[in-house]
């Protein structure tokens, strides 16, 4: 697994509570790059997490499509997308970005 995208847009406490998940992902997949999608207002709360390789910030007044383009600029291939937000917007974003299934043996 090379690239993991974690989505948690908002709620300061919930963003901070994502850190054990990030730690476990890094332990299980030490070679993977972990990218985290978060709203602008909450980016500083996750920035100190040592298990992240990149933070993708959803700016105020930025459309979901613009965010999708920003994510695609980071990578066209995601091995795993983990939606910790689980609302309509995050589900749509997960569908728009999509993880690539591993190749068949």
PDB file of N, CA and C in Angstrom:
ATOM      1  N   UNK A   1       0.854  -1.167   0.000  1.00  0.00           N
ATOM      2  CA  UNK A   1       0.000   0.000   0.000  1.00  0.00           C
ATOM      3  C   UNK A   1       0.903   1.234   0.000  1.00  0.00           C
ATOM      4  N   UNK A   2       0.712   2.094  -1.005  1.00  0.00           N
ATOM      5  CA  UNK A   2       1.598   3.247  -1.158  1.00  0.00           C
ATOM      6  C   UNK A   2       0.983   4.569  -0.727  1.00  0.00           C
ATOM      7  N   UNK A   3      -0.293   4.771  -1.013  1.00  0.00           N
ATOM      8  CA  UNK A   3      -0.932   6.062  -0.723  1.00  0.00           C
ATOM      9  C   UNK A   3      -2.277   5.855  -0.039  1.00  0.00           C
ATOM     10  N   UNK A   4      -2.442   6.546   1.103  1.00  0.00           N
ATOM     11  CA  UNK A   4      -3.678   6.455   1.875  1.00  0.00           C
ATOM     12  C   UNK A   4      -4.239   7.865   2.025  1.00  0.00           C
ATOM     13  N   UNK A   5      -5.526   8.012   1.756  1.00  0.00           N
ATOM     14  CA  UNK A   5      -6.219   9.289   1.918  1.00  0.00           C
ATOM     15  C   UNK A   5      -7.223   9.157   3.055  1.00  0.00           C
ATOM     16  N   UNK A   6      -7.081  10.009   4.072  1.00  0.00           N
ATOM     17  CA  UNK A   6      -7.984  10.014   5.217  1.00  0.00           C
ATOM     18  C   UNK A   6      -8.789  11.304   5.158  1.00  0.00           C
ATOM     19  N   UNK A   7     -10.108  11.186   5.285  1.00  0.00           N
ATOM     20  CA  UNK A   7     -11.002  12.342   5.222  1.00  0.00           C
ATOM     21  C   UNK A   7     -11.647  12.558   6.584  1.00  0.00           C
ATOM     22  N   UNK A   8     -11.415  13.726   7.149  1.00  0.00           N
ATOM     23  CA  UNK A   8     -12.121  14.174   8.365  1.00  0.00           C
ATOM     24  C   UNK A   8     -12.149  15.702   8.279  1.00  0.00           C
ATOM     25  N   UNK A   9     -13.262  16.229   7.787  1.00  0.00           N
ATOM     26  CA  UNK A   9     -13.355  17.647   7.476  1.00  0.00           C
ATOM     27  C   UNK A   9     -13.289  18.561   8.697  1.00  0.00           C
ATOM     28  N   UNK A  10     -14.037  18.224   9.735  1.00  0.00           N
ATOM     29  CA  UNK A  10     -14.217  19.224  10.791  1.00  0.00           C
ATOM     30  C   UNK A  10     -14.477  18.614  12.150  1.00  0.00           C
ATOM     31  N   UNK A  11     -14.726  19.500  13.082  1.00  0.00           N
ATOM     32  CA  UNK A  11     -14.951  19.246  14.506  1.00  0.00           C
ATOM     33  C   UNK A  11     -13.606  18.992  15.174  1.00  0.00           C
ATOM     34  N   UNK A  12     -13.127  19.984  15.872  1.00  0.00           N
ATOM     35  CA  UNK A  12     -11.787  19.961  16.450  1.00  0.00           C
ATOM     36  C   UNK A  12     -11.511  18.662  17.211  1.00  0.00           C
ATOM     37  N   UNK A  13     -12.409  18.277  18.095  1.00  0.00           N
ATOM     38  CA  UNK A  13     -12.199  17.058  18.870  1.00  0.00           C
ATOM     39  C   UNK A  13     -12.128  15.822  18.000  1.00  0.00           C
ATOM     40  N   UNK A  14     -12.993  15.760  17.003  1.00  0.00           N
ATOM     41  CA  UNK A  14     -12.998  14.594  16.113  1.00  0.00           C
ATOM     42  C   UNK A  14     -11.743  14.538  15.247  1.00  0.00           C
ATOM     43  N   UNK A  15     -11.254  15.692  14.824  1.00  0.00           N
ATOM     44  CA  UNK A  15     -10.001  15.733  14.064  1.00  0.00           C
ATOM     45  C   UNK A  15      -8.857  15.209  14.934  1.00  0.00           C
ATOM     46  N   UNK A  16      -8.820  15.656  16.182  1.00  0.00           N
ATOM     47  CA  UNK A  16      -7.774  15.188  17.095  1.00  0.00           C
ATOM     48  C   UNK A  16      -7.923  13.705  17.414  1.00  0.00           C
ATOM     49  N   UNK A  17      -9.160  13.233  17.509  1.00  0.00           N
ATOM     50  CA  UNK A  17      -9.387  11.812  17.789  1.00  0.00           C
ATOM     51  C   UNK A  17      -9.023  10.916  16.610  1.00  0.00           C
ATOM     52  N   UNK A  18      -8.731  11.502  15.464  1.00  0.00           N
ATOM     53  CA  UNK A  18      -8.277  10.724  14.306  1.00  0.00           C
ATOM     54  C   UNK A  18      -6.814  10.314  14.439  1.00  0.00           C
ATOM     55  N   UNK A  19      -6.072  10.946  15.339  1.00  0.00           N
ATOM     56  CA  UNK A  19      -4.635  10.668  15.435  1.00  0.00           C
ATOM     57  C   UNK A  19      -4.303   9.209  15.784  1.00  0.00           C
ATOM     58  N   UNK A  20      -5.059   8.525  16.660  1.00  0.00           N
ATOM     59  CA  UNK A  20      -4.745   7.103  16.882  1.00  0.00           C
ATOM     60  C   UNK A  20      -4.938   6.253  15.618  1.00  0.00           C
ATOM     61  N   UNK A  21      -5.910   6.631  14.793  1.00  0.00           N
ATOM     62  CA  UNK A  21      -6.121   5.920  13.530  1.00  0.00           C
ATOM     63  C   UNK A  21      -4.909   6.117  12.625  1.00  0.00           C
ATOM     64  N   UNK A  22      -4.426   7.351  12.568  1.00  0.00           N
ATOM     65  CA  UNK A  22      -3.251   7.653  11.740  1.00  0.00           C
ATOM     66  C   UNK A  22      -2.018   6.899  12.238  1.00  0.00           C
ATOM     67  N   UNK A  23      -1.859   6.846  13.548  1.00  0.00           N
ATOM     68  CA  UNK A  23      -0.728   6.118  14.129  1.00  0.00           C
ATOM     69  C   UNK A  23      -0.786   4.640  13.749  1.00  0.00           C
ATOM     70  N   UNK A  24      -1.984   4.049  13.844  1.00  0.00           N
ATOM     71  CA  UNK A  24      -2.137   2.631  13.514  1.00  0.00           C
ATOM     72  C   UNK A  24      -1.902   2.377  12.023  1.00  0.00           C
ATOM     73  N   UNK A  25      -2.382   3.282  11.175  1.00  0.00           N
ATOM     74  CA  UNK A  25      -2.123   3.151   9.739  1.00  0.00           C
ATOM     75  C   UNK A  25      -0.630   3.159   9.456  1.00  0.00           C
ATOM     76  N   UNK A  26       0.095   4.074  10.105  1.00  0.00           N
ATOM     77  CA  UNK A  26       1.542   4.179   9.890  1.00  0.00           C
ATOM     78  C   UNK A  26       2.262   2.940  10.415  1.00  0.00           C
ATOM     79  N   UNK A  27       1.784   2.372  11.525  1.00  0.00           N
ATOM     80  CA  UNK A  27       2.384   1.142  12.043  1.00  0.00           C
ATOM     81  C   UNK A  27       2.140  -0.030  11.092  1.00  0.00           C
ATOM     82  N   UNK A  28       0.927  -0.118  10.562  1.00  0.00           N
ATOM     83  CA  UNK A  28       0.580  -1.232   9.676  1.00  0.00           C
ATOM     84  C   UNK A  28       1.164  -1.095   8.278  1.00  0.00           C
ATOM     85  N   UNK A  29       1.307   0.155   7.815  1.00  0.00           N
ATOM     86  CA  UNK A  29       1.814   0.425   6.466  1.00  0.00           C
ATOM     87  C   UNK A  29       2.910   1.486   6.542  1.00  0.00           C
ATOM     88  N   UNK A  30       4.078   1.148   7.093  1.00  0.00           N
ATOM     89  CA  UNK A  30       5.112   2.159   7.331  1.00  0.00           C
ATOM     90  C   UNK A  30       5.629   2.831   6.061  1.00  0.00           C
ATOM     91  N   UNK A  31       5.540   2.167   4.934  1.00  0.00           N
ATOM     92  CA  UNK A  31       6.026   2.745   3.686  1.00  0.00           C
ATOM     93  C   UNK A  31       4.992   3.661   3.017  1.00  0.00           C
ATOM     94  N   UNK A  32       3.758   3.624   3.478  1.00  0.00           N
ATOM     95  CA  UNK A  32       2.681   4.391   2.835  1.00  0.00           C
ATOM     96  C   UNK A  32       2.770   5.872   3.169  1.00  0.00           C
ATOM     97  N   UNK A  33       2.395   6.688   2.193  1.00  0.00           N
ATOM     98  CA  UNK A  33       2.222   8.115   2.409  1.00  0.00           C
ATOM     99  C   UNK A  33       0.778   8.326   2.846  1.00  0.00           C
ATOM    100  N   UNK A  34       0.604   9.013   3.968  1.00  0.00           N
ATOM    101  CA  UNK A  34      -0.736   9.258   4.501  1.00  0.00           C
ATOM    102  C   UNK A  34      -1.070  10.734   4.308  1.00  0.00           C
ATOM    103  N   UNK A  35      -2.170  10.970   3.584  1.00  0.00           N
ATOM    104  CA  UNK A  35      -2.661  12.317   3.310  1.00  0.00           C
ATOM    105  C   UNK A  35      -3.970  12.505   4.069  1.00  0.00           C
ATOM    106  N   UNK A  36      -4.167  13.692   4.625  1.00  0.00           N
ATOM    107  CA  UNK A  36      -5.330  13.969   5.465  1.00  0.00           C
ATOM    108  C   UNK A  36      -6.081  15.171   4.908  1.00  0.00           C
ATOM    109  N   UNK A  37      -7.377  15.022   4.656  1.00  0.00           N
ATOM    110  CA  UNK A  37      -8.211  16.110   4.146  1.00  0.00           C
ATOM    111  C   UNK A  37      -8.990  16.715   5.304  1.00  0.00           C
ATOM    112  N   UNK A  38      -8.862  18.044   5.466  1.00  0.00           N
ATOM    113  CA  UNK A  38      -9.503  18.731   6.586  1.00  0.00           C
ATOM    114  C   UNK A  38      -9.882  20.146   6.163  1.00  0.00           C
ATOM    115  N   UNK A  39     -10.918  20.678   6.774  1.00  0.00           N
ATOM    116  CA  UNK A  39     -11.289  22.065   6.509  1.00  0.00           C
ATOM    117  C   UNK A  39     -10.231  23.012   7.062  1.00  0.00           C
ATOM    118  N   UNK A  40     -10.141  24.165   6.441  1.00  0.00           N
ATOM    119  CA  UNK A  40      -9.142  25.170   6.787  1.00  0.00           C
ATOM    120  C   UNK A  40      -9.125  25.499   8.280  1.00  0.00           C
ATOM    121  N   UNK A  41     -10.288  25.640   8.893  1.00  0.00           N
ATOM    122  CA  UNK A  41     -10.368  26.029  10.305  1.00  0.00           C
ATOM    123  C   UNK A  41      -9.753  25.005  11.256  1.00  0.00           C
ATOM    124  N   UNK A  42      -9.592  23.766  10.814  1.00  0.00           N
ATOM    125  CA  UNK A  42      -9.128  22.697  11.702  1.00  0.00           C
ATOM    126  C   UNK A  42      -7.767  22.136  11.309  1.00  0.00           C
ATOM    127  N   UNK A  43      -7.160  22.688  10.283  1.00  0.00           N
ATOM    128  CA  UNK A  43      -5.876  22.163   9.788  1.00  0.00           C
ATOM    129  C   UNK A  43      -4.771  22.272  10.832  1.00  0.00           C
ATOM    130  N   UNK A  44      -4.749  23.354  11.582  1.00  0.00           N
ATOM    131  CA  UNK A  44      -3.669  23.536  12.560  1.00  0.00           C
ATOM    132  C   UNK A  44      -3.713  22.497  13.677  1.00  0.00           C
ATOM    133  N   UNK A  45      -4.883  21.921  13.938  1.00  0.00           N
ATOM    134  CA  UNK A  45      -5.001  20.944  15.020  1.00  0.00           C
ATOM    135  C   UNK A  45      -4.381  19.598  14.646  1.00  0.00           C
ATOM    136  N   UNK A  46      -4.331  19.289  13.365  1.00  0.00           N
ATOM    137  CA  UNK A  46      -3.776  18.005  12.937  1.00  0.00           C
ATOM    138  C   UNK A  46      -2.341  18.158  12.416  1.00  0.00           C
ATOM    139  N   UNK A  47      -1.907  19.383  12.220  1.00  0.00           N
ATOM    140  CA  UNK A  47      -0.600  19.641  11.597  1.00  0.00           C
ATOM    141  C   UNK A  47       0.574  19.059  12.388  1.00  0.00           C
ATOM    142  N   UNK A  48       0.447  18.945  13.689  1.00  0.00           N
ATOM    143  CA  UNK A  48       1.554  18.441  14.513  1.00  0.00           C
ATOM    144  C   UNK A  48       1.633  16.917  14.556  1.00  0.00           C
ATOM    145  N   UNK A  49       0.706  16.248  13.925  1.00  0.00           N
ATOM    146  CA  UNK A  49       0.699  14.782  13.961  1.00  0.00           C
ATOM    147  C   UNK A  49       1.891  14.229  13.183  1.00  0.00           C
ATOM    148  N   UNK A  50       2.763  13.467  13.829  1.00  0.00           N
ATOM    149  CA  UNK A  50       3.960  12.964  13.149  1.00  0.00           C
ATOM    150  C   UNK A  50       3.686  11.840  12.155  1.00  0.00           C
ATOM    151  N   UNK A  51       2.478  11.302  12.166  1.00  0.00           N
ATOM    152  CA  UNK A  51       2.162  10.167  11.297  1.00  0.00           C
ATOM    153  C   UNK A  51       1.606  10.589   9.942  1.00  0.00           C
ATOM    154  N   UNK A  52       1.494  11.884   9.706  1.00  0.00           N
ATOM    155  CA  UNK A  52       0.986  12.403   8.436  1.00  0.00           C
ATOM    156  C   UNK A  52       2.120  12.810   7.521  1.00  0.00           C
ATOM    157  N   UNK A  53       1.930  12.575   6.253  1.00  0.00           N
ATOM    158  CA  UNK A  53       2.893  13.028   5.255  1.00  0.00           C
ATOM    159  C   UNK A  53       2.425  14.305   4.559  1.00  0.00           C
ATOM    160  N   UNK A  54       1.114  14.520   4.535  1.00  0.00           N
ATOM    161  CA  UNK A  54       0.590  15.688   3.839  1.00  0.00           C
ATOM    162  C   UNK A  54      -0.806  16.019   4.361  1.00  0.00           C
ATOM    163  N   UNK A  55      -1.090  17.313   4.432  1.00  0.00           N
ATOM    164  CA  UNK A  55      -2.426  17.780   4.789  1.00  0.00           C
ATOM    165  C   UNK A  55      -2.996  18.496   3.574  1.00  0.00           C
ATOM    166  N   UNK A  56      -4.180  18.093   3.174  1.00  0.00           N
ATOM    167  CA  UNK A  56      -4.889  18.748   2.070  1.00  0.00           C
ATOM    168  C   UNK A  56      -5.992  19.572   2.706  1.00  0.00           C
ATOM    169  N   UNK A  57      -5.897  20.874   2.564  1.00  0.00           N
ATOM    170  CA  UNK A  57      -6.800  21.792   3.249  1.00  0.00           C
ATOM    171  C   UNK A  57      -7.940  22.192   2.324  1.00  0.00           C
ATOM    172  N   UNK A  58      -9.158  22.006   2.837  1.00  0.00           N
ATOM    173  CA  UNK A  58     -10.354  22.444   2.119  1.00  0.00           C
ATOM    174  C   UNK A  58     -10.623  23.882   2.543  1.00  0.00           C
ATOM    175  N   UNK A  59     -10.321  24.808   1.638  1.00  0.00           N
ATOM    176  CA  UNK A  59     -10.462  26.240   1.907  1.00  0.00           C
ATOM    177  C   UNK A  59     -11.930  26.645   1.974  1.00  0.00           C
ATOM    178  N   UNK A  60     -12.197  27.696   2.745  1.00  0.00           N
ATOM    179  CA  UNK A  60     -13.545  28.258   2.783  1.00  0.00           C
ATOM    180  C   UNK A  60     -13.925  28.706   1.375  1.00  0.00           C
ATOM    181  N   UNK A  61     -15.165  28.552   1.029  1.00  0.00           N
ATOM    182  CA  UNK A  61     -15.714  28.937  -0.275  1.00  0.00           C
ATOM    183  C   UNK A  61     -15.136  28.133  -1.439  1.00  0.00           C
ATOM    184  N   UNK A  62     -14.450  27.039  -1.178  1.00  0.00           N
ATOM    185  CA  UNK A  62     -13.941  26.164  -2.226  1.00  0.00           C
ATOM    186  C   UNK A  62     -14.972  25.061  -2.455  1.00  0.00           C
ATOM    187  N   UNK A  63     -15.285  24.796  -3.692  1.00  0.00           N
ATOM    188  CA  UNK A  63     -16.286  23.776  -3.997  1.00  0.00           C
ATOM    189  C   UNK A  63     -15.728  22.376  -3.753  1.00  0.00           C
ATOM    190  N   UNK A  64     -16.625  21.424  -3.661  1.00  0.00           N
ATOM    191  CA  UNK A  64     -16.224  20.031  -3.503  1.00  0.00           C
ATOM    192  C   UNK A  64     -15.450  19.566  -4.739  1.00  0.00           C
ATOM    193  N   UNK A  65     -15.845  20.048  -5.905  1.00  0.00           N
ATOM    194  CA  UNK A  65     -15.138  19.696  -7.141  1.00  0.00           C
ATOM    195  C   UNK A  65     -13.707  20.256  -7.129  1.00  0.00           C
ATOM    196  N   UNK A  66     -13.538  21.488  -6.638  1.00  0.00           N
ATOM    197  CA  UNK A  66     -12.199  22.082  -6.535  1.00  0.00           C
ATOM    198  C   UNK A  66     -11.339  21.281  -5.558  1.00  0.00           C
ATOM    199  N   UNK A  67     -11.937  20.816  -4.471  1.00  0.00           N
ATOM    200  CA  UNK A  67     -11.210  19.974  -3.524  1.00  0.00           C
ATOM    201  C   UNK A  67     -10.804  18.670  -4.182  1.00  0.00           C
ATOM    202  N   UNK A  68     -11.683  18.099  -4.962  1.00  0.00           N
ATOM    203  CA  UNK A  68     -11.372  16.869  -5.688  1.00  0.00           C
ATOM    204  C   UNK A  68     -10.183  17.081  -6.626  1.00  0.00           C
ATOM    205  N   UNK A  69     -10.149  18.222  -7.288  1.00  0.00           N
ATOM    206  CA  UNK A  69      -9.038  18.541  -8.187  1.00  0.00           C
ATOM    207  C   UNK A  69      -7.727  18.671  -7.396  1.00  0.00           C
ATOM    208  N   UNK A  70      -7.804  19.284  -6.229  1.00  0.00           N
ATOM    209  CA  UNK A  70      -6.635  19.440  -5.374  1.00  0.00           C
ATOM    210  C   UNK A  70      -6.110  18.068  -4.928  1.00  0.00           C
ATOM    211  N   UNK A  71      -7.018  17.177  -4.593  1.00  0.00           N
ATOM    212  CA  UNK A  71      -6.630  15.818  -4.192  1.00  0.00           C
ATOM    213  C   UNK A  71      -6.018  15.067  -5.372  1.00  0.00           C
ATOM    214  N   UNK A  72      -6.611  15.216  -6.546  1.00  0.00           N
ATOM    215  CA  UNK A  72      -6.089  14.550  -7.741  1.00  0.00           C
ATOM    216  C   UNK A  72      -4.698  15.056  -8.097  1.00  0.00           C
ATOM    217  N   UNK A  73      -4.412  16.321  -7.774  1.00  0.00           N
ATOM    218  CA  UNK A  73      -3.077  16.863  -8.037  1.00  0.00           C
ATOM    219  C   UNK A  73      -2.027  16.191  -7.149  1.00  0.00           C
ATOM    220  N   UNK A  74      -2.432  15.698  -5.984  1.00  0.00           N
ATOM    221  CA  UNK A  74      -1.514  14.983  -5.087  1.00  0.00           C
ATOM    222  C   UNK A  74      -1.224  13.576  -5.608  1.00  0.00           C
ATOM    223  N   UNK A  75      -2.253  12.936  -6.118  1.00  0.00           N
ATOM    224  CA  UNK A  75      -2.091  11.584  -6.640  1.00  0.00           C
ATOM    225  C   UNK A  75      -3.322  11.202  -7.449  1.00  0.00           C
ATOM    226  N   UNK A  76      -3.115  10.507  -8.532  1.00  0.00           N
ATOM    227  CA  UNK A  76      -4.228   9.969  -9.323  1.00  0.00           C
ATOM    228  C   UNK A  76      -4.604   8.569  -8.841  1.00  0.00           C
ATOM    229  N   UNK A  77      -3.796   8.017  -7.951  1.00  0.00           N
ATOM    230  CA  UNK A  77      -4.039   6.663  -7.471  1.00  0.00           C
ATOM    231  C   UNK A  77      -3.980   6.626  -5.944  1.00  0.00           C
ATOM    232  N   UNK A  78      -5.048   6.204  -5.326  1.00  0.00           N
ATOM    233  CA  UNK A  78      -5.101   5.998  -3.876  1.00  0.00           C
ATOM    234  C   UNK A  78      -5.342   4.526  -3.632  1.00  0.00           C
ATOM    235  N   UNK A  79      -4.553   3.942  -2.751  1.00  0.00           N
ATOM    236  CA  UNK A  79      -4.733   2.530  -2.435  1.00  0.00           C
ATOM    237  C   UNK A  79      -5.839   2.319  -1.413  1.00  0.00           C
ATOM    238  N   UNK A  80      -6.046   3.321  -0.565  1.00  0.00           N
ATOM    239  CA  UNK A  80      -7.065   3.246   0.468  1.00  0.00           C
ATOM    240  C   UNK A  80      -7.606   4.641   0.739  1.00  0.00           C
ATOM    241  N   UNK A  81      -8.917   4.764   0.802  1.00  0.00           N
ATOM    242  CA  UNK A  81      -9.558   6.002   1.222  1.00  0.00           C
ATOM    243  C   UNK A  81     -10.354   5.683   2.471  1.00  0.00           C
ATOM    244  N   UNK A  82     -10.032   6.387   3.544  1.00  0.00           N
ATOM    245  CA  UNK A  82     -10.689   6.164   4.822  1.00  0.00           C
ATOM    246  C   UNK A  82     -11.508   7.407   5.153  1.00  0.00           C
ATOM    247  N   UNK A  83     -12.827   7.273   5.127  1.00  0.00           N
ATOM    248  CA  UNK A  83     -13.741   8.394   5.375  1.00  0.00           C
ATOM    249  C   UNK A  83     -14.165   8.379   6.834  1.00  0.00           C
ATOM    250  N   UNK A  84     -13.507   9.191   7.646  1.00  0.00           N
ATOM    251  CA  UNK A  84     -13.856   9.282   9.063  1.00  0.00           C
ATOM    252  C   UNK A  84     -14.969  10.294   9.309  1.00  0.00           C
ATOM    253  N   UNK A  85     -15.326  11.064   8.299  1.00  0.00           N
ATOM    254  CA  UNK A  85     -16.401  12.054   8.419  1.00  0.00           C
ATOM    255  C   UNK A  85     -17.762  11.394   8.237  1.00  0.00           C
ATOM    256  N   UNK A  86     -17.878  10.596   7.199  1.00  0.00           N
ATOM    257  CA  UNK A  86     -19.081   9.826   6.884  1.00  0.00           C
ATOM    258  C   UNK A  86     -20.347  10.673   6.828  1.00  0.00           C
ATOM    259  N   UNK A  87     -20.292  11.734   6.028  1.00  0.00           N
ATOM    260  CA  UNK A  87     -21.496  12.500   5.726  1.00  0.00           C
ATOM    261  C   UNK A  87     -21.646  12.555   4.211  1.00  0.00           C
ATOM    262  N   UNK A  88     -22.669  13.245   3.728  1.00  0.00           N
ATOM    263  CA  UNK A  88     -22.934  13.251   2.296  1.00  0.00           C
ATOM    264  C   UNK A  88     -21.752  13.801   1.501  1.00  0.00           C
ATOM    265  N   UNK A  89     -21.169  14.909   1.952  1.00  0.00           N
ATOM    266  CA  UNK A  89     -20.043  15.509   1.214  1.00  0.00           C
ATOM    267  C   UNK A  89     -18.828  14.588   1.182  1.00  0.00           C
ATOM    268  N   UNK A  90     -18.505  13.986   2.292  1.00  0.00           N
ATOM    269  CA  UNK A  90     -17.332  13.106   2.312  1.00  0.00           C
ATOM    270  C   UNK A  90     -17.572  11.852   1.479  1.00  0.00           C
ATOM    271  N   UNK A  91     -18.786  11.361   1.469  1.00  0.00           N
ATOM    272  CA  UNK A  91     -19.101  10.188   0.641  1.00  0.00           C
ATOM    273  C   UNK A  91     -19.017  10.528  -0.836  1.00  0.00           C
ATOM    274  N   UNK A  92     -19.523  11.705  -1.194  1.00  0.00           N
ATOM    275  CA  UNK A  92     -19.415  12.145  -2.594  1.00  0.00           C
ATOM    276  C   UNK A  92     -17.951  12.301  -2.977  1.00  0.00           C
ATOM    277  N   UNK A  93     -17.161  12.929  -2.091  1.00  0.00           N
ATOM    278  CA  UNK A  93     -15.739  13.107  -2.375  1.00  0.00           C
ATOM    279  C   UNK A  93     -15.042  11.756  -2.522  1.00  0.00           C
ATOM    280  N   UNK A  94     -15.330  10.825  -1.647  1.00  0.00           N
ATOM    281  CA  UNK A  94     -14.744   9.488  -1.742  1.00  0.00           C
ATOM    282  C   UNK A  94     -15.103   8.828  -3.067  1.00  0.00           C
ATOM    283  N   UNK A  95     -16.316   9.025  -3.511  1.00  0.00           N
ATOM    284  CA  UNK A  95     -16.758   8.453  -4.776  1.00  0.00           C
ATOM    285  C   UNK A  95     -16.056   9.134  -5.951  1.00  0.00           C
ATOM    286  N   UNK A  96     -15.890  10.462  -5.871  1.00  0.00           N
ATOM    287  CA  UNK A  96     -15.229  11.202  -6.949  1.00  0.00           C
ATOM    288  C   UNK A  96     -13.739  10.861  -7.057  1.00  0.00           C
ATOM    289  N   UNK A  97     -13.100  10.634  -5.929  1.00  0.00           N
ATOM    290  CA  UNK A  97     -11.656  10.377  -5.918  1.00  0.00           C
ATOM    291  C   UNK A  97     -11.374   8.909  -6.198  1.00  0.00           C
ATOM    292  N   UNK A  98     -12.039   8.028  -5.514  1.00  0.00           N
ATOM    293  CA  UNK A  98     -11.947   6.566  -5.652  1.00  0.00           C
ATOM    294  C   UNK A  98     -10.562   5.991  -5.448  1.00  0.00           C
ATOM    295  N   UNK A  99     -10.527   4.911  -4.734  1.00  0.00           N
ATOM    296  CA  UNK A  99      -9.299   4.145  -4.562  1.00  0.00           C
ATOM    297  C   UNK A  99      -9.182   3.154  -5.719  1.00  0.00           C
ATOM    298  N   UNK A 100      -7.960   2.856  -6.098  1.00  0.00           N
ATOM    299  CA  UNK A 100      -7.700   1.875  -7.152  1.00  0.00           C
ATOM    300  C   UNK A 100      -7.612   0.498  -6.525  1.00  0.00           C
ATOM    301  N   UNK A 101      -8.380  -0.458  -7.011  1.00  0.00           N
ATOM    302  CA  UNK A 101      -8.247  -1.812  -6.456  1.00  0.00           C
ATOM    303  C   UNK A 101      -6.885  -2.391  -6.826  1.00  0.00           C
ATOM    304  N   UNK A 102      -6.349  -3.250  -5.962  1.00  0.00           N
ATOM    305  CA  UNK A 102      -5.047  -3.856  -6.287  1.00  0.00           C
ATOM    306  C   UNK A 102      -5.173  -4.752  -7.527  1.00  0.00           C
ATOM    307  N   UNK A 103      -4.089  -4.901  -8.277  1.00  0.00           N
ATOM    308  CA  UNK A 103      -4.144  -5.758  -9.464  1.00  0.00           C
ATOM    309  C   UNK A 103      -4.374  -7.216  -9.083  1.00  0.00           C
ATOM    310  N   UNK A 104      -5.053  -7.906  -9.934  1.00  0.00           N
ATOM    311  CA  UNK A 104      -5.304  -9.333  -9.697  1.00  0.00           C
ATOM    312  C   UNK A 104      -4.015 -10.123  -9.942  1.00  0.00           C
ATOM    313  N   UNK A 105      -3.807 -11.167  -9.145  1.00  0.00           N
ATOM    314  CA  UNK A 105      -2.573 -11.983  -9.326  1.00  0.00           C
ATOM    315  C   UNK A 105      -2.591 -12.774 -10.607  1.00  0.00           C
TER     316      UNK A 105
END
